[in-house]
């Protein structure tokens, strides 16, 4: 099974949309990788943006509690999205479980 775990920050405010009567949410998380240059010793931060989808009560909970910049940990399964005109399929991660980091902090 292809279960992946990510911790990142919501890129935008989540917007819930109904899909045949079932709540559906597509959102993006930005994650960071840190590297140190061997030659200069400088540390750099490399961002990666990942697309996720959540359904039903999970989608409703994320839309209700999260906003842009919210830190989330997501356990998800990788899936192919709809084909694009360039012939490549993008990967979308379907949310299985999630948790918010620091919901009570401003």
N, C-alpha and C. Protein backbone atom coordinates (compact mmCIF):
# COMPACT_ATOMS: atom_id res chain seq x y z
N UNK A 1 0.84 -1.17 0.00
CA UNK A 1 0.00 0.00 0.00
C UNK A 1 0.89 1.24 0.00
N UNK A 2 0.50 2.27 -0.67
CA UNK A 2 1.31 3.48 -0.79
C UNK A 2 0.82 4.58 0.16
N UNK A 3 1.13 4.45 1.42
CA UNK A 3 0.74 5.44 2.42
C UNK A 3 1.91 6.39 2.64
N UNK A 4 1.65 7.67 2.54
CA UNK A 4 2.68 8.70 2.69
C UNK A 4 2.27 9.63 3.84
N UNK A 5 3.25 10.11 4.59
CA UNK A 5 2.99 11.07 5.67
C UNK A 5 3.73 12.37 5.37
N UNK A 6 3.02 13.48 5.52
CA UNK A 6 3.59 14.80 5.26
C UNK A 6 3.20 15.75 6.38
N UNK A 7 4.10 16.66 6.69
CA UNK A 7 3.78 17.78 7.58
C UNK A 7 4.11 19.04 6.81
N UNK A 8 3.15 19.95 6.75
CA UNK A 8 3.35 21.19 6.02
C UNK A 8 2.33 22.23 6.43
N UNK A 9 2.26 23.28 5.64
CA UNK A 9 1.40 24.42 5.92
C UNK A 9 0.43 24.63 4.76
N UNK A 10 -0.85 24.91 5.10
CA UNK A 10 -1.84 25.16 4.04
C UNK A 10 -1.45 26.38 3.22
N UNK A 11 -1.47 26.21 1.92
CA UNK A 11 -1.08 27.29 1.02
C UNK A 11 -2.17 28.35 0.89
N UNK A 12 -3.44 27.94 0.95
CA UNK A 12 -4.59 28.85 0.82
C UNK A 12 -5.68 28.43 1.80
N UNK A 13 -6.66 29.30 2.00
CA UNK A 13 -7.83 28.94 2.79
C UNK A 13 -8.58 27.81 2.07
N UNK A 14 -8.98 26.76 2.79
CA UNK A 14 -9.70 25.66 2.13
C UNK A 14 -11.11 26.07 1.75
N UNK A 15 -11.56 25.63 0.57
CA UNK A 15 -12.92 25.91 0.10
C UNK A 15 -13.60 24.59 -0.22
N UNK A 16 -14.64 24.29 0.51
CA UNK A 16 -15.40 23.05 0.36
C UNK A 16 -16.28 23.13 -0.87
N UNK A 17 -16.36 22.02 -1.62
CA UNK A 17 -17.26 21.98 -2.76
C UNK A 17 -18.00 20.65 -2.76
N UNK A 18 -19.31 20.68 -3.04
CA UNK A 18 -20.06 19.42 -3.09
C UNK A 18 -19.76 18.68 -4.40
N UNK A 19 -19.62 17.38 -4.32
CA UNK A 19 -19.38 16.55 -5.50
C UNK A 19 -20.41 15.42 -5.44
N UNK A 20 -21.49 15.55 -6.21
CA UNK A 20 -22.61 14.59 -6.19
C UNK A 20 -23.16 14.41 -4.79
N UNK A 21 -23.29 15.52 -4.05
CA UNK A 21 -23.88 15.48 -2.73
C UNK A 21 -22.92 15.12 -1.61
N UNK A 22 -21.67 14.82 -1.92
CA UNK A 22 -20.66 14.49 -0.91
C UNK A 22 -19.66 15.64 -0.84
N UNK A 23 -19.32 16.05 0.37
CA UNK A 23 -18.37 17.14 0.54
C UNK A 23 -17.00 16.73 0.01
N UNK A 24 -16.39 17.62 -0.74
CA UNK A 24 -15.09 17.36 -1.37
C UNK A 24 -14.21 18.59 -1.20
N UNK A 25 -12.95 18.36 -0.88
CA UNK A 25 -12.02 19.46 -0.66
C UNK A 25 -10.70 19.14 -1.33
N UNK A 26 -10.21 20.06 -2.14
CA UNK A 26 -8.87 19.96 -2.71
C UNK A 26 -8.06 21.09 -2.11
N UNK A 27 -6.90 20.75 -1.55
CA UNK A 27 -6.06 21.78 -0.94
C UNK A 27 -4.59 21.47 -1.19
N UNK A 28 -3.77 22.48 -1.00
CA UNK A 28 -2.33 22.34 -1.21
C UNK A 28 -1.58 22.61 0.08
N UNK A 29 -0.59 21.77 0.35
CA UNK A 29 0.32 21.96 1.48
C UNK A 29 1.69 22.28 0.93
N UNK A 30 2.39 23.17 1.61
CA UNK A 30 3.77 23.45 1.26
C UNK A 30 4.64 22.83 2.35
N UNK A 31 5.59 22.03 1.92
CA UNK A 31 6.53 21.40 2.85
C UNK A 31 7.92 21.94 2.53
N UNK A 32 8.82 21.83 3.48
CA UNK A 32 10.17 22.37 3.29
C UNK A 32 11.22 21.31 3.58
N UNK A 33 12.25 21.30 2.75
CA UNK A 33 13.44 20.49 2.96
C UNK A 33 14.59 21.46 3.21
N UNK A 34 15.43 21.14 4.17
CA UNK A 34 16.56 22.01 4.49
C UNK A 34 17.85 21.31 4.10
N UNK A 35 18.74 22.07 3.44
CA UNK A 35 20.04 21.54 3.04
C UNK A 35 21.12 22.54 3.38
N UNK A 36 22.29 22.00 3.70
CA UNK A 36 23.44 22.85 3.98
C UNK A 36 24.47 22.63 2.86
N UNK A 37 24.95 23.72 2.29
CA UNK A 37 25.94 23.67 1.23
C UNK A 37 27.28 23.23 1.81
N UNK A 38 27.91 22.25 1.15
CA UNK A 38 29.23 21.78 1.61
C UNK A 38 30.30 22.85 1.43
N UNK A 39 30.19 23.62 0.35
CA UNK A 39 31.25 24.60 0.05
C UNK A 39 31.15 25.86 0.92
N UNK A 40 29.95 26.38 1.12
CA UNK A 40 29.82 27.63 1.86
C UNK A 40 29.28 27.44 3.28
N UNK A 41 28.65 26.30 3.54
CA UNK A 41 28.08 26.06 4.85
C UNK A 41 26.73 26.73 5.06
N UNK A 42 26.24 27.43 4.03
CA UNK A 42 24.95 28.11 4.14
C UNK A 42 23.81 27.10 4.09
N UNK A 43 22.80 27.36 4.91
CA UNK A 43 21.62 26.52 4.95
C UNK A 43 20.55 27.11 4.02
N UNK A 44 19.94 26.26 3.20
CA UNK A 44 18.89 26.74 2.30
C UNK A 44 17.60 25.95 2.56
N UNK A 45 16.48 26.60 2.29
CA UNK A 45 15.16 26.00 2.48
C UNK A 45 14.55 25.80 1.10
N UNK A 46 14.16 24.55 0.80
CA UNK A 46 13.61 24.21 -0.50
C UNK A 46 12.13 23.85 -0.33
N UNK A 47 11.23 24.65 -0.92
CA UNK A 47 9.80 24.38 -0.78
C UNK A 47 9.31 23.35 -1.81
N UNK A 48 8.33 22.55 -1.40
CA UNK A 48 7.65 21.61 -2.30
C UNK A 48 6.15 21.76 -2.03
N UNK A 49 5.37 21.95 -3.10
CA UNK A 49 3.92 22.09 -2.97
C UNK A 49 3.27 20.78 -3.41
N UNK A 50 2.40 20.24 -2.54
CA UNK A 50 1.71 18.98 -2.79
C UNK A 50 0.20 19.20 -2.79
N UNK A 51 -0.51 18.48 -3.65
CA UNK A 51 -1.96 18.61 -3.76
C UNK A 51 -2.63 17.43 -3.05
N UNK A 52 -3.64 17.73 -2.24
CA UNK A 52 -4.38 16.73 -1.49
C UNK A 52 -5.87 16.86 -1.77
N UNK A 53 -6.60 15.76 -1.58
CA UNK A 53 -8.05 15.81 -1.64
C UNK A 53 -8.60 15.07 -0.42
N UNK A 54 -9.68 15.60 0.13
CA UNK A 54 -10.36 14.98 1.26
C UNK A 54 -11.85 14.91 0.94
N UNK A 55 -12.51 13.91 1.51
CA UNK A 55 -13.92 13.67 1.22
C UNK A 55 -14.74 13.63 2.50
N UNK A 56 -16.00 13.91 2.37
CA UNK A 56 -17.05 13.76 3.37
C UNK A 56 -16.70 14.49 4.68
N UNK A 57 -16.75 13.82 5.83
CA UNK A 57 -16.57 14.50 7.11
C UNK A 57 -15.14 15.02 7.29
N UNK A 58 -14.16 14.33 6.71
CA UNK A 58 -12.78 14.82 6.77
C UNK A 58 -12.65 16.15 6.06
N UNK A 59 -13.26 16.26 4.89
CA UNK A 59 -13.23 17.52 4.14
C UNK A 59 -13.93 18.63 4.91
N UNK A 60 -15.06 18.30 5.51
CA UNK A 60 -15.82 19.30 6.28
C UNK A 60 -15.03 19.79 7.50
N UNK A 61 -14.35 18.88 8.17
CA UNK A 61 -13.56 19.26 9.36
C UNK A 61 -12.39 20.15 8.98
N UNK A 62 -11.68 19.79 7.92
CA UNK A 62 -10.55 20.62 7.48
C UNK A 62 -11.04 22.00 7.08
N UNK A 63 -12.13 22.07 6.32
CA UNK A 63 -12.66 23.37 5.89
C UNK A 63 -13.11 24.22 7.07
N UNK A 64 -13.63 23.58 8.11
CA UNK A 64 -14.14 24.31 9.28
C UNK A 64 -13.01 24.83 10.17
N UNK A 65 -11.95 24.04 10.37
CA UNK A 65 -10.93 24.37 11.36
C UNK A 65 -9.65 24.99 10.78
N UNK A 66 -9.37 24.76 9.53
CA UNK A 66 -8.09 25.20 8.96
C UNK A 66 -8.22 26.50 8.19
N UNK A 67 -7.10 27.19 8.08
CA UNK A 67 -7.02 28.39 7.25
C UNK A 67 -5.61 28.48 6.68
N UNK A 68 -5.39 29.42 5.82
CA UNK A 68 -4.07 29.59 5.21
C UNK A 68 -3.00 29.66 6.30
N UNK A 69 -1.94 28.86 6.13
CA UNK A 69 -0.84 28.87 7.08
C UNK A 69 -0.96 27.86 8.20
N UNK A 70 -2.12 27.18 8.31
CA UNK A 70 -2.30 26.18 9.35
C UNK A 70 -1.33 25.01 9.12
N UNK A 71 -0.68 24.60 10.21
CA UNK A 71 0.24 23.46 10.13
C UNK A 71 -0.56 22.18 10.26
N UNK A 72 -0.34 21.25 9.32
CA UNK A 72 -1.06 19.99 9.30
C UNK A 72 -0.10 18.83 9.08
N UNK A 73 -0.43 17.70 9.69
CA UNK A 73 0.22 16.44 9.36
C UNK A 73 -0.84 15.57 8.71
N UNK A 74 -0.51 15.02 7.54
CA UNK A 74 -1.48 14.27 6.75
C UNK A 74 -0.90 12.90 6.42
N UNK A 75 -1.73 11.88 6.60
CA UNK A 75 -1.43 10.53 6.13
C UNK A 75 -2.31 10.33 4.91
N UNK A 76 -1.72 10.00 3.76
CA UNK A 76 -2.48 9.98 2.52
C UNK A 76 -2.00 8.86 1.59
N UNK A 77 -2.85 8.53 0.63
CA UNK A 77 -2.52 7.56 -0.42
C UNK A 77 -2.31 8.32 -1.72
N UNK A 78 -1.27 7.98 -2.46
CA UNK A 78 -0.98 8.64 -3.73
C UNK A 78 -1.90 8.09 -4.82
N UNK A 79 -2.46 8.98 -5.62
CA UNK A 79 -3.34 8.61 -6.73
C UNK A 79 -3.00 9.48 -7.94
N UNK A 80 -3.31 8.97 -9.13
CA UNK A 80 -3.19 9.78 -10.34
C UNK A 80 -4.42 10.67 -10.45
N UNK A 81 -4.20 11.92 -10.84
CA UNK A 81 -5.33 12.81 -11.08
C UNK A 81 -5.77 12.66 -12.53
N UNK A 82 -6.71 13.47 -12.94
CA UNK A 82 -7.18 13.44 -14.33
C UNK A 82 -6.03 13.80 -15.27
N UNK A 83 -5.94 13.18 -16.43
CA UNK A 83 -4.86 13.49 -17.37
C UNK A 83 -4.93 14.95 -17.85
N UNK A 84 -3.78 15.53 -18.02
CA UNK A 84 -3.69 16.90 -18.53
C UNK A 84 -3.39 16.87 -20.02
N UNK A 85 -3.48 18.00 -20.66
CA UNK A 85 -3.27 18.08 -22.11
C UNK A 85 -1.84 17.75 -22.51
N UNK A 86 -0.88 17.90 -21.59
CA UNK A 86 0.51 17.61 -21.94
C UNK A 86 0.82 16.11 -21.88
N UNK A 87 -0.18 15.28 -21.54
CA UNK A 87 0.01 13.85 -21.53
C UNK A 87 0.51 13.28 -20.21
N UNK A 88 0.79 14.13 -19.23
CA UNK A 88 1.27 13.66 -17.95
C UNK A 88 0.14 13.67 -16.92
N UNK A 89 0.22 12.75 -15.99
CA UNK A 89 -0.72 12.73 -14.87
C UNK A 89 -0.04 13.33 -13.66
N UNK A 90 -0.73 14.23 -12.97
CA UNK A 90 -0.23 14.75 -11.71
C UNK A 90 -0.63 13.78 -10.61
N UNK A 91 0.14 13.77 -9.54
CA UNK A 91 -0.17 12.95 -8.39
C UNK A 91 -0.99 13.78 -7.40
N UNK A 92 -2.08 13.22 -6.93
CA UNK A 92 -2.91 13.83 -5.89
C UNK A 92 -2.91 12.85 -4.73
N UNK A 93 -2.76 13.38 -3.53
CA UNK A 93 -2.74 12.54 -2.34
C UNK A 93 -4.13 12.56 -1.71
N UNK A 94 -4.75 11.38 -1.56
CA UNK A 94 -6.06 11.27 -0.94
C UNK A 94 -5.88 11.11 0.57
N UNK A 95 -6.47 12.03 1.33
CA UNK A 95 -6.29 12.07 2.78
C UNK A 95 -6.98 10.87 3.44
N UNK A 96 -6.20 10.14 4.25
CA UNK A 96 -6.74 9.05 5.07
C UNK A 96 -6.93 9.52 6.51
N UNK A 97 -5.95 10.21 7.05
CA UNK A 97 -5.98 10.77 8.40
C UNK A 97 -5.26 12.10 8.39
N UNK A 98 -5.60 12.95 9.36
CA UNK A 98 -4.92 14.24 9.46
C UNK A 98 -4.93 14.71 10.89
N UNK A 99 -4.04 15.65 11.19
CA UNK A 99 -3.96 16.25 12.50
C UNK A 99 -3.46 17.68 12.31
N UNK A 100 -3.93 18.57 13.14
CA UNK A 100 -3.50 19.96 13.09
C UNK A 100 -2.45 20.20 14.14
N UNK A 101 -1.45 20.99 13.81
CA UNK A 101 -0.46 21.41 14.78
C UNK A 101 -0.82 22.79 15.31
N UNK A 102 -0.91 22.92 16.61
CA UNK A 102 -1.08 24.23 17.26
C UNK A 102 -2.35 24.95 16.86
N UNK A 103 -3.50 24.31 16.94
CA UNK A 103 -4.76 24.99 16.59
C UNK A 103 -5.10 26.11 17.54
N UNK A 104 -4.66 26.02 18.78
CA UNK A 104 -5.02 27.04 19.77
C UNK A 104 -4.10 28.25 19.74
N UNK A 105 -3.03 28.19 18.98
CA UNK A 105 -2.11 29.33 18.91
C UNK A 105 -2.52 30.25 17.78
N UNK A 106 -2.28 31.51 17.93
CA UNK A 106 -2.59 32.50 16.90
C UNK A 106 -1.42 32.70 15.98
